[in-house]
Amino acid sequence: MTDFTDAAPDPLDALLAPPPPADAGPLRRRVGDRTARLVRGRRRRRLAVLAVACAAVLAAIVAWARTTAPPAADPHPVPSLVSLDPPEAPARPAPAPSAAAEEWRAFDSADGRAERYRRAGDRYLAEESDPASALRCYGAALDTGGPAALEVSSDDGWLLMLVKDARQKEKTHAKSGS
């Protein structure tokens, strides 16, 4: 049998083979130099971007610190004829006492007791929306005010009118014995 490995060299192998390498030294040097320049340029750009970012963060911190820090005192103040300070606010009147304080004043007072209880009841009803406390104060006002306090007037609130009406009905029923 004939073996293919013993065959004679093919004449086309020489034509199909790559050409022998020429002197590649200068080309290799140029490619290496360009690559090195490119890598160094990228590294420099990366470092420059990092430096700019650090400077921006530092500038932001300094700007924030200046806005939050109190201003330094001027070592040589200049006297001024015009004051730049805002004018002082006028003194506010003392707030009116609460309804409970008004009720305690009525309890402690000897004169004007009925009127103070009435004012305390009005304040409980108007300011604190507390009809139970207002009813207590109106009852005390009618108890200490005498018979004249039972007369309904146009200044009376709705709850006081109801209490006065109920008290008058009690008196009439007590007199009639029913």
N, C-alpha and C. Protein backbone atom coordinates (compact mmCIF):
# COMPACT_ATOMS: atom_id res chain seq x y z
N MET A 1 0.80 -1.17 0.00
CA MET A 1 0.00 0.00 0.00
C MET A 1 0.84 1.23 0.00
N THR A 2 0.25 2.22 -0.46
CA THR A 2 1.01 3.46 -0.59
C THR A 2 0.67 4.35 0.60
N ASP A 3 1.67 4.89 1.18
CA ASP A 3 1.47 5.73 2.35
C ASP A 3 1.55 7.20 1.93
N PHE A 4 0.58 8.01 2.45
CA PHE A 4 0.54 9.44 2.03
C PHE A 4 1.65 10.25 2.67
N THR A 5 2.19 9.79 3.72
CA THR A 5 3.25 10.53 4.41
C THR A 5 4.57 10.45 3.66
N ASP A 6 4.71 9.50 2.81
CA ASP A 6 5.95 9.35 2.08
C ASP A 6 5.95 10.11 0.77
N ALA A 7 4.92 10.89 0.58
CA ALA A 7 4.79 11.56 -0.70
C ALA A 7 5.82 12.67 -0.82
N ALA A 8 6.13 13.05 -1.98
CA ALA A 8 7.12 14.09 -2.27
C ALA A 8 6.53 15.44 -1.96
N PRO A 9 7.31 16.43 -1.63
CA PRO A 9 6.79 17.77 -1.30
C PRO A 9 6.03 18.37 -2.48
N ASP A 10 4.97 19.06 -2.12
CA ASP A 10 4.11 19.65 -3.14
C ASP A 10 4.76 20.94 -3.64
N PRO A 11 4.81 21.17 -4.96
CA PRO A 11 5.46 22.40 -5.46
C PRO A 11 4.68 23.67 -5.15
N LEU A 12 3.40 23.54 -4.79
CA LEU A 12 2.60 24.74 -4.48
C LEU A 12 2.79 25.21 -3.05
N ASP A 13 3.39 24.37 -2.21
CA ASP A 13 3.59 24.76 -0.81
C ASP A 13 4.45 26.01 -0.71
N ALA A 14 5.38 26.15 -1.52
CA ALA A 14 6.26 27.33 -1.46
C ALA A 14 5.49 28.58 -1.86
N LEU A 15 4.53 28.44 -2.79
CA LEU A 15 3.76 29.62 -3.19
C LEU A 15 2.70 30.01 -2.15
N LEU A 16 2.17 29.01 -1.47
CA LEU A 16 1.12 29.27 -0.49
C LEU A 16 1.67 29.66 0.89
N ALA A 17 2.90 29.49 1.14
CA ALA A 17 3.49 29.80 2.44
C ALA A 17 3.60 31.32 2.60
N PRO A 18 3.49 31.85 3.84
CA PRO A 18 3.62 33.30 4.05
C PRO A 18 5.04 33.74 3.71
N PRO A 19 5.15 34.99 3.35
CA PRO A 19 6.48 35.48 3.01
C PRO A 19 7.35 35.53 4.26
N PRO A 20 8.63 35.42 4.11
CA PRO A 20 9.52 35.46 5.26
C PRO A 20 9.46 36.85 5.90
N PRO A 21 9.54 36.94 7.23
CA PRO A 21 9.41 38.24 7.89
C PRO A 21 10.54 39.16 7.48
N ALA A 22 10.12 40.38 7.21
CA ALA A 22 11.11 41.40 6.88
C ALA A 22 11.61 41.98 8.20
N ASP A 23 12.45 42.94 8.15
CA ASP A 23 12.98 43.53 9.35
C ASP A 23 11.84 44.31 10.03
N ALA A 24 11.24 43.77 11.11
CA ALA A 24 10.08 44.35 11.79
C ALA A 24 10.50 45.25 12.95
N GLY A 25 11.72 45.48 13.20
CA GLY A 25 12.20 46.27 14.32
C GLY A 25 11.66 47.70 14.35
N PRO A 26 11.78 48.50 13.28
CA PRO A 26 11.29 49.89 13.32
C PRO A 26 9.76 49.95 13.46
N LEU A 27 9.04 49.05 12.80
CA LEU A 27 7.57 49.03 12.89
C LEU A 27 7.14 48.69 14.31
N ARG A 28 7.79 47.69 14.88
CA ARG A 28 7.46 47.28 16.24
C ARG A 28 7.73 48.43 17.22
N ARG A 29 8.79 49.17 17.03
CA ARG A 29 9.11 50.29 17.89
C ARG A 29 8.06 51.40 17.77
N ARG A 30 7.61 51.69 16.55
CA ARG A 30 6.59 52.75 16.35
C ARG A 30 5.26 52.37 17.01
N VAL A 31 4.84 51.11 16.83
CA VAL A 31 3.59 50.66 17.43
C VAL A 31 3.70 50.69 18.95
N GLY A 32 4.79 50.28 19.51
CA GLY A 32 5.00 50.29 20.96
C GLY A 32 5.00 51.71 21.52
N ASP A 33 5.64 52.63 20.80
CA ASP A 33 5.68 54.03 21.26
C ASP A 33 4.28 54.64 21.25
N ARG A 34 3.52 54.40 20.19
CA ARG A 34 2.14 54.96 20.11
C ARG A 34 1.26 54.38 21.22
N THR A 35 1.40 53.09 21.48
CA THR A 35 0.60 52.46 22.52
C THR A 35 0.97 53.02 23.90
N ALA A 36 2.24 53.20 24.15
CA ALA A 36 2.69 53.74 25.44
C ALA A 36 2.17 55.17 25.63
N ARG A 37 2.23 56.00 24.56
CA ARG A 37 1.70 57.37 24.64
C ARG A 37 0.20 57.36 24.93
N LEU A 38 -0.53 56.47 24.28
CA LEU A 38 -1.97 56.38 24.48
C LEU A 38 -2.31 55.96 25.93
N VAL A 39 -1.59 54.99 26.46
CA VAL A 39 -1.84 54.53 27.83
C VAL A 39 -1.49 55.63 28.83
N ARG A 40 -0.35 56.31 28.63
CA ARG A 40 0.02 57.41 29.53
C ARG A 40 -1.00 58.55 29.46
N GLY A 41 -1.52 58.87 28.29
CA GLY A 41 -2.52 59.94 28.14
C GLY A 41 -3.82 59.59 28.87
N ARG A 42 -4.24 58.33 28.76
CA ARG A 42 -5.46 57.91 29.46
C ARG A 42 -5.27 58.00 30.98
N ARG A 43 -4.11 57.58 31.47
CA ARG A 43 -3.83 57.64 32.91
C ARG A 43 -3.83 59.10 33.38
N ARG A 44 -3.22 60.01 32.61
CA ARG A 44 -3.20 61.43 32.99
C ARG A 44 -4.61 62.01 33.01
N ARG A 45 -5.43 61.65 32.00
CA ARG A 45 -6.82 62.15 31.98
C ARG A 45 -7.60 61.65 33.18
N ARG A 46 -7.42 60.38 33.54
CA ARG A 46 -8.11 59.82 34.69
C ARG A 46 -7.70 60.54 35.98
N LEU A 47 -6.42 60.80 36.15
CA LEU A 47 -5.94 61.52 37.33
C LEU A 47 -6.45 62.97 37.35
N ALA A 48 -6.51 63.59 36.17
CA ALA A 48 -7.02 64.97 36.11
C ALA A 48 -8.50 65.03 36.49
N VAL A 49 -9.29 64.08 36.02
CA VAL A 49 -10.71 64.05 36.38
C VAL A 49 -10.86 63.82 37.88
N LEU A 50 -10.06 62.94 38.45
CA LEU A 50 -10.11 62.69 39.89
C LEU A 50 -9.72 63.95 40.67
N ALA A 51 -8.71 64.67 40.23
CA ALA A 51 -8.28 65.90 40.91
C ALA A 51 -9.36 66.97 40.84
N VAL A 52 -10.02 67.10 39.68
CA VAL A 52 -11.10 68.08 39.54
C VAL A 52 -12.27 67.72 40.45
N ALA A 53 -12.62 66.46 40.54
CA ALA A 53 -13.71 66.03 41.41
C ALA A 53 -13.39 66.31 42.87
N CYS A 54 -12.16 66.03 43.29
CA CYS A 54 -11.76 66.32 44.67
C CYS A 54 -11.81 67.81 44.95
N ALA A 55 -11.36 68.63 44.00
CA ALA A 55 -11.40 70.08 44.19
C ALA A 55 -12.84 70.58 44.29
N ALA A 56 -13.75 70.01 43.50
CA ALA A 56 -15.15 70.42 43.56
C ALA A 56 -15.77 70.05 44.90
N VAL A 57 -15.46 68.88 45.42
CA VAL A 57 -15.99 68.48 46.73
C VAL A 57 -15.43 69.39 47.81
N LEU A 58 -14.16 69.69 47.76
CA LEU A 58 -13.54 70.58 48.74
C LEU A 58 -14.15 71.97 48.68
N ALA A 59 -14.40 72.49 47.48
CA ALA A 59 -15.03 73.81 47.33
C ALA A 59 -16.45 73.81 47.89
N ALA A 60 -17.18 72.72 47.68
CA ALA A 60 -18.54 72.64 48.22
C ALA A 60 -18.52 72.60 49.75
N ILE A 61 -17.57 71.90 50.33
CA ILE A 61 -17.47 71.84 51.79
C ILE A 61 -17.11 73.22 52.35
N VAL A 62 -16.19 73.91 51.72
CA VAL A 62 -15.80 75.24 52.19
C VAL A 62 -16.98 76.20 52.07
N ALA A 63 -17.73 76.15 50.99
CA ALA A 63 -18.88 77.04 50.82
C ALA A 63 -19.94 76.74 51.86
N TRP A 64 -20.18 75.48 52.16
CA TRP A 64 -21.17 75.11 53.19
C TRP A 64 -20.71 75.59 54.57
N ALA A 65 -19.42 75.43 54.84
CA ALA A 65 -18.91 75.84 56.15
C ALA A 65 -19.01 77.35 56.32
N ARG A 66 -18.82 78.10 55.26
CA ARG A 66 -18.93 79.56 55.36
C ARG A 66 -20.36 80.00 55.60
N THR A 67 -21.33 79.30 55.04
CA THR A 67 -22.72 79.71 55.22
C THR A 67 -23.23 79.33 56.60
N THR A 68 -22.68 78.27 57.21
CA THR A 68 -23.18 77.85 58.52
C THR A 68 -22.37 78.43 59.67
N ALA A 69 -21.16 78.85 59.44
CA ALA A 69 -20.33 79.39 60.51
C ALA A 69 -20.74 80.83 60.79
N PRO A 70 -20.72 81.25 62.07
CA PRO A 70 -21.05 82.65 62.36
C PRO A 70 -19.96 83.56 61.81
N PRO A 71 -20.34 84.75 61.40
CA PRO A 71 -19.33 85.65 60.84
C PRO A 71 -18.33 86.05 61.92
N ALA A 72 -17.11 86.19 61.50
CA ALA A 72 -16.06 86.58 62.43
C ALA A 72 -16.26 88.04 62.84
N ALA A 73 -15.92 88.35 64.09
CA ALA A 73 -16.08 89.72 64.57
C ALA A 73 -15.07 90.63 63.87
N ASP A 74 -15.50 91.82 63.55
CA ASP A 74 -14.64 92.78 62.89
C ASP A 74 -13.69 93.37 63.93
N PRO A 75 -12.36 93.25 63.72
CA PRO A 75 -11.44 93.76 64.73
C PRO A 75 -11.47 95.29 64.83
N HIS A 76 -11.88 95.97 63.76
CA HIS A 76 -11.95 97.43 63.75
C HIS A 76 -13.35 97.86 63.33
N PRO A 77 -14.32 97.83 64.26
CA PRO A 77 -15.68 98.20 63.86
C PRO A 77 -15.77 99.69 63.55
N VAL A 78 -16.58 99.99 62.56
CA VAL A 78 -16.79 101.38 62.15
C VAL A 78 -18.07 101.86 62.82
N PRO A 79 -17.99 102.97 63.59
CA PRO A 79 -19.22 103.46 64.22
C PRO A 79 -20.19 103.95 63.16
N SER A 80 -21.45 103.71 63.41
CA SER A 80 -22.47 104.07 62.45
C SER A 80 -23.52 104.94 63.13
N LEU A 81 -24.03 105.90 62.39
CA LEU A 81 -25.07 106.76 62.93
C LEU A 81 -26.44 106.13 62.78
N VAL A 82 -26.56 105.23 61.81
CA VAL A 82 -27.84 104.57 61.55
C VAL A 82 -27.73 103.14 62.04
N SER A 83 -28.68 102.70 62.81
CA SER A 83 -28.68 101.34 63.31
C SER A 83 -29.29 100.43 62.25
N LEU A 84 -28.60 99.35 61.98
CA LEU A 84 -29.11 98.38 61.01
C LEU A 84 -29.91 97.28 61.69
N ASP A 85 -29.99 97.34 63.03
CA ASP A 85 -30.77 96.34 63.75
C ASP A 85 -32.25 96.57 63.51
N PRO A 86 -33.03 95.51 63.45
CA PRO A 86 -34.48 95.70 63.27
C PRO A 86 -35.05 96.38 64.50
N PRO A 87 -36.08 97.18 64.31
CA PRO A 87 -36.67 97.85 65.46
C PRO A 87 -37.28 96.83 66.41
N GLU A 88 -37.26 97.19 67.68
CA GLU A 88 -37.82 96.28 68.67
C GLU A 88 -39.32 96.20 68.49
N ALA A 89 -39.82 95.01 68.65
CA ALA A 89 -41.27 94.80 68.52
C ALA A 89 -41.96 95.44 69.72
N PRO A 90 -43.12 96.03 69.50
CA PRO A 90 -43.82 96.62 70.63
C PRO A 90 -44.20 95.53 71.63
N ALA A 91 -44.22 95.90 72.87
CA ALA A 91 -44.55 94.94 73.92
C ALA A 91 -45.98 94.45 73.75
N ARG A 92 -46.13 93.17 73.77
CA ARG A 92 -47.46 92.59 73.61
C ARG A 92 -48.18 92.64 74.95
N PRO A 93 -49.45 92.88 74.90
CA PRO A 93 -50.18 92.85 76.17
C PRO A 93 -50.22 91.43 76.70
N ALA A 94 -50.30 91.34 78.00
CA ALA A 94 -50.34 90.01 78.61
C ALA A 94 -51.60 89.29 78.16
N PRO A 95 -51.49 88.01 77.86
CA PRO A 95 -52.68 87.28 77.41
C PRO A 95 -53.73 87.24 78.52
N ALA A 96 -54.96 87.23 78.09
CA ALA A 96 -56.06 87.18 79.06
C ALA A 96 -55.99 85.87 79.82
N PRO A 97 -56.39 85.89 81.09
CA PRO A 97 -56.32 84.64 81.85
C PRO A 97 -57.27 83.60 81.27
N SER A 98 -56.94 82.37 81.49
CA SER A 98 -57.77 81.29 80.95
C SER A 98 -59.11 81.27 81.68
N ALA A 99 -60.03 80.50 81.15
CA ALA A 99 -61.36 80.39 81.76
C ALA A 99 -61.26 79.79 83.15
N ALA A 100 -60.36 78.84 83.34
CA ALA A 100 -60.19 78.24 84.66
C ALA A 100 -59.65 79.26 85.65
N ALA A 101 -58.69 80.09 85.20
CA ALA A 101 -58.15 81.13 86.08
C ALA A 101 -59.23 82.13 86.44
N GLU A 102 -60.07 82.46 85.47
CA GLU A 102 -61.19 83.38 85.73
C GLU A 102 -62.16 82.77 86.75
N GLU A 103 -62.40 81.49 86.64
CA GLU A 103 -63.29 80.81 87.59
C GLU A 103 -62.69 80.82 89.00
N TRP A 104 -61.39 80.60 89.11
CA TRP A 104 -60.75 80.63 90.43
C TRP A 104 -60.77 82.03 91.02
N ARG A 105 -60.61 83.04 90.18
CA ARG A 105 -60.71 84.42 90.69
C ARG A 105 -62.11 84.70 91.24
N ALA A 106 -63.10 84.20 90.52
CA ALA A 106 -64.48 84.39 90.99
C ALA A 106 -64.69 83.66 92.31
N PHE A 107 -64.10 82.49 92.44
CA PHE A 107 -64.25 81.72 93.68
C PHE A 107 -63.59 82.44 94.86
N ASP A 108 -62.42 83.07 94.59
CA ASP A 108 -61.67 83.73 95.65
C ASP A 108 -62.17 85.13 95.97
N SER A 109 -62.92 85.75 95.07
CA SER A 109 -63.32 87.14 95.29
C SER A 109 -64.55 87.24 96.18
N ALA A 110 -64.68 88.41 96.80
CA ALA A 110 -65.85 88.64 97.65
C ALA A 110 -66.88 89.50 96.93
N ASP A 111 -66.42 90.43 96.10
CA ASP A 111 -67.36 91.29 95.37
C ASP A 111 -67.27 91.01 93.88
N GLY A 112 -68.36 91.19 93.17
CA GLY A 112 -68.40 90.94 91.72
C GLY A 112 -68.28 89.48 91.37
N ARG A 113 -68.60 88.64 92.30
CA ARG A 113 -68.44 87.20 92.12
C ARG A 113 -69.33 86.66 91.00
N ALA A 114 -70.59 87.08 90.95
CA ALA A 114 -71.53 86.57 89.94
C ALA A 114 -71.07 86.95 88.54
N GLU A 115 -70.59 88.20 88.37
CA GLU A 115 -70.13 88.64 87.04
C GLU A 115 -68.89 87.86 86.61
N ARG A 116 -68.00 87.58 87.53
CA ARG A 116 -66.79 86.82 87.19
C ARG A 116 -67.15 85.38 86.81
N TYR A 117 -68.05 84.78 87.53
CA TYR A 117 -68.50 83.43 87.16
C TYR A 117 -69.14 83.45 85.78
N ARG A 118 -69.91 84.47 85.49
CA ARG A 118 -70.57 84.57 84.18
C ARG A 118 -69.52 84.69 83.07
N ARG A 119 -68.49 85.54 83.28
CA ARG A 119 -67.42 85.69 82.28
C ARG A 119 -66.67 84.38 82.09
N ALA A 120 -66.40 83.68 83.20
CA ALA A 120 -65.70 82.39 83.11
C ALA A 120 -66.55 81.39 82.32
N GLY A 121 -67.86 81.37 82.56
CA GLY A 121 -68.73 80.47 81.80
C GLY A 121 -68.75 80.81 80.32
N ASP A 122 -68.80 82.12 80.02
CA ASP A 122 -68.76 82.53 78.61
C ASP A 122 -67.46 82.08 77.95
N ARG A 123 -66.35 82.22 78.65
CA ARG A 123 -65.06 81.82 78.06
C ARG A 123 -64.96 80.32 77.90
N TYR A 124 -65.46 79.57 78.89
CA TYR A 124 -65.47 78.11 78.73
C TYR A 124 -66.24 77.71 77.48
N LEU A 125 -67.35 78.35 77.25
CA LEU A 125 -68.20 77.99 76.11
C LEU A 125 -67.59 78.45 74.79
N ALA A 126 -67.09 79.68 74.74
CA ALA A 126 -66.61 80.25 73.48
C ALA A 126 -65.21 79.76 73.12
N GLU A 127 -64.28 79.75 74.07
CA GLU A 127 -62.88 79.47 73.74
C GLU A 127 -62.51 78.00 73.86
N GLU A 128 -63.08 77.32 74.85
CA GLU A 128 -62.66 75.95 75.09
C GLU A 128 -63.70 74.92 74.69
N SER A 129 -64.86 75.37 74.24
CA SER A 129 -65.96 74.47 73.84
C SER A 129 -66.22 73.43 74.92
N ASP A 130 -66.39 73.92 76.16
CA ASP A 130 -66.60 73.05 77.31
C ASP A 130 -67.93 73.42 77.96
N PRO A 131 -69.06 72.90 77.46
CA PRO A 131 -70.35 73.30 78.01
C PRO A 131 -70.56 72.84 79.45
N ALA A 132 -69.95 71.73 79.86
CA ALA A 132 -70.13 71.26 81.24
C ALA A 132 -69.53 72.26 82.22
N SER A 133 -68.33 72.76 81.93
CA SER A 133 -67.70 73.75 82.81
C SER A 133 -68.46 75.07 82.75
N ALA A 134 -68.93 75.44 81.56
CA ALA A 134 -69.72 76.67 81.43
C ALA A 134 -71.00 76.56 82.25
N LEU A 135 -71.65 75.41 82.24
CA LEU A 135 -72.87 75.20 83.02
C LEU A 135 -72.60 75.32 84.52
N ARG A 136 -71.46 74.80 84.96
CA ARG A 136 -71.07 74.91 86.36
C ARG A 136 -70.89 76.38 86.75
N CYS A 137 -70.21 77.15 85.90
CA CYS A 137 -69.98 78.56 86.19
C CYS A 137 -71.28 79.36 86.14
N TYR A 138 -72.14 79.08 85.17
CA TYR A 138 -73.42 79.80 85.09
C TYR A 138 -74.27 79.51 86.32
N GLY A 139 -74.26 78.27 86.78
CA GLY A 139 -75.01 77.92 87.99
C GLY A 139 -74.48 78.68 89.20
N ALA A 140 -73.16 78.78 89.33
CA ALA A 140 -72.57 79.52 90.45
C ALA A 140 -72.90 81.00 90.34
N ALA A 141 -72.92 81.53 89.10
CA ALA A 141 -73.25 82.95 88.91
C ALA A 141 -74.68 83.21 89.33
N LEU A 142 -75.59 82.33 89.00
CA LEU A 142 -76.99 82.51 89.38
C LEU A 142 -77.19 82.31 90.88
N ASP A 143 -76.40 81.42 91.47
CA ASP A 143 -76.51 81.20 92.91
C ASP A 143 -76.03 82.41 93.69
N THR A 144 -74.98 83.06 93.24
CA THR A 144 -74.41 84.20 93.97
C THR A 144 -74.99 85.53 93.53
N GLY A 145 -75.72 85.57 92.42
CA GLY A 145 -76.21 86.84 91.88
C GLY A 145 -77.52 87.31 92.47
N GLY A 146 -78.24 86.48 93.12
CA GLY A 146 -79.52 86.88 93.70
C GLY A 146 -80.63 86.82 92.68
N PRO A 147 -81.84 87.36 93.05
CA PRO A 147 -83.00 87.28 92.16
C PRO A 147 -82.84 88.08 90.87
N ALA A 148 -82.07 89.14 90.88
CA ALA A 148 -81.89 89.95 89.67
C ALA A 148 -81.11 89.19 88.60
N ALA A 149 -80.31 88.25 89.00
CA ALA A 149 -79.50 87.49 88.05
C ALA A 149 -80.35 86.56 87.21
N LEU A 150 -81.57 86.24 87.64
CA LEU A 150 -82.41 85.31 86.90
C LEU A 150 -83.13 85.96 85.72
N GLU A 151 -83.06 87.27 85.59
CA GLU A 151 -83.73 87.94 84.48
C GLU A 151 -82.92 87.75 83.20
N VAL A 152 -83.60 87.37 82.12
CA VAL A 152 -82.94 87.13 80.84
C VAL A 152 -82.68 88.46 80.17
N SER A 153 -81.45 88.65 79.66
CA SER A 153 -81.10 89.89 78.95
C SER A 153 -80.56 89.53 77.56
N SER A 154 -80.39 90.56 76.74
CA SER A 154 -79.93 90.33 75.36
C SER A 154 -78.45 89.96 75.32
N ASP A 155 -77.72 90.20 76.40
CA ASP A 155 -76.29 89.87 76.45
C ASP A 155 -76.04 88.40 76.79
N ASP A 156 -77.07 87.70 77.21
CA ASP A 156 -76.91 86.31 77.64
C ASP A 156 -76.70 85.39 76.44
N GLY A 157 -75.85 84.39 76.63
CA GLY A 157 -75.65 83.37 75.61
C GLY A 157 -76.76 82.34 75.68
N TRP A 158 -76.77 81.44 74.72
CA TRP A 158 -77.86 80.47 74.64
C TRP A 158 -77.92 79.55 75.86
N LEU A 159 -76.77 79.13 76.36
CA LEU A 159 -76.76 78.21 77.49
C LEU A 159 -77.20 78.93 78.77
N LEU A 160 -76.75 80.17 78.94
CA LEU A 160 -77.16 80.93 80.12
C LEU A 160 -78.66 81.20 80.10
N MET A 161 -79.20 81.48 78.91
CA MET A 161 -80.65 81.68 78.81
C MET A 161 -81.40 80.40 79.21
N LEU A 162 -80.91 79.26 78.77
CA LEU A 162 -81.56 78.00 79.13
C LEU A 162 -81.50 77.75 80.64
N VAL A 163 -80.37 78.05 81.26
CA VAL A 163 -80.22 77.85 82.70
C VAL A 163 -81.15 78.79 83.46
N LYS A 164 -81.20 80.06 83.03
CA LYS A 164 -82.08 81.02 83.68
C LYS A 164 -83.54 80.60 83.55
N ASP A 165 -83.91 80.14 82.37
CA ASP A 165 -85.28 79.70 82.15
C ASP A 165 -85.61 78.50 83.04
N ALA A 166 -84.70 77.56 83.13
CA ALA A 166 -84.94 76.39 83.97
C ALA A 166 -85.06 76.79 85.44
N ARG A 167 -84.23 77.73 85.89
CA ARG A 167 -84.30 78.18 87.28
C ARG A 167 -85.63 78.89 87.57
N GLN A 168 -86.10 79.69 86.61
CA GLN A 168 -87.38 80.39 86.81
C GLN A 168 -88.52 79.38 86.88
N LYS A 169 -88.47 78.35 86.04
CA LYS A 169 -89.51 77.32 86.06
C LYS A 169 -89.47 76.56 87.38
N GLU A 170 -88.27 76.30 87.91
CA GLU A 170 -88.17 75.64 89.20
C GLU A 170 -88.85 76.46 90.30
N LYS A 171 -88.61 77.77 90.28
CA LYS A 171 -89.21 78.64 91.30
C LYS A 171 -90.72 78.65 91.19
N THR A 172 -91.25 78.74 89.95
CA THR A 172 -92.69 78.77 89.80
C THR A 172 -93.32 77.45 90.21
N HIS A 173 -92.67 76.33 89.91
CA HIS A 173 -93.19 75.02 90.31
C HIS A 173 -93.09 74.84 91.81
N ALA A 174 -92.06 75.39 92.43
CA ALA A 174 -91.92 75.28 93.89
C ALA A 174 -93.00 76.08 94.59
N LYS A 175 -93.35 77.26 94.03
CA LYS A 175 -94.40 78.09 94.65
C LYS A 175 -95.78 77.45 94.49
N SER A 176 -96.00 76.87 93.31
CA SER A 176 -97.35 76.28 93.06
C SER A 176 -97.48 74.92 93.73
N GLY A 177 -96.39 74.36 94.14
CA GLY A 177 -96.44 73.07 94.84
C GLY A 177 -96.63 71.88 93.92
N SER A 178 -96.42 72.02 92.67
CA SER A 178 -96.60 70.88 91.78
C SER A 178 -95.32 70.17 91.50
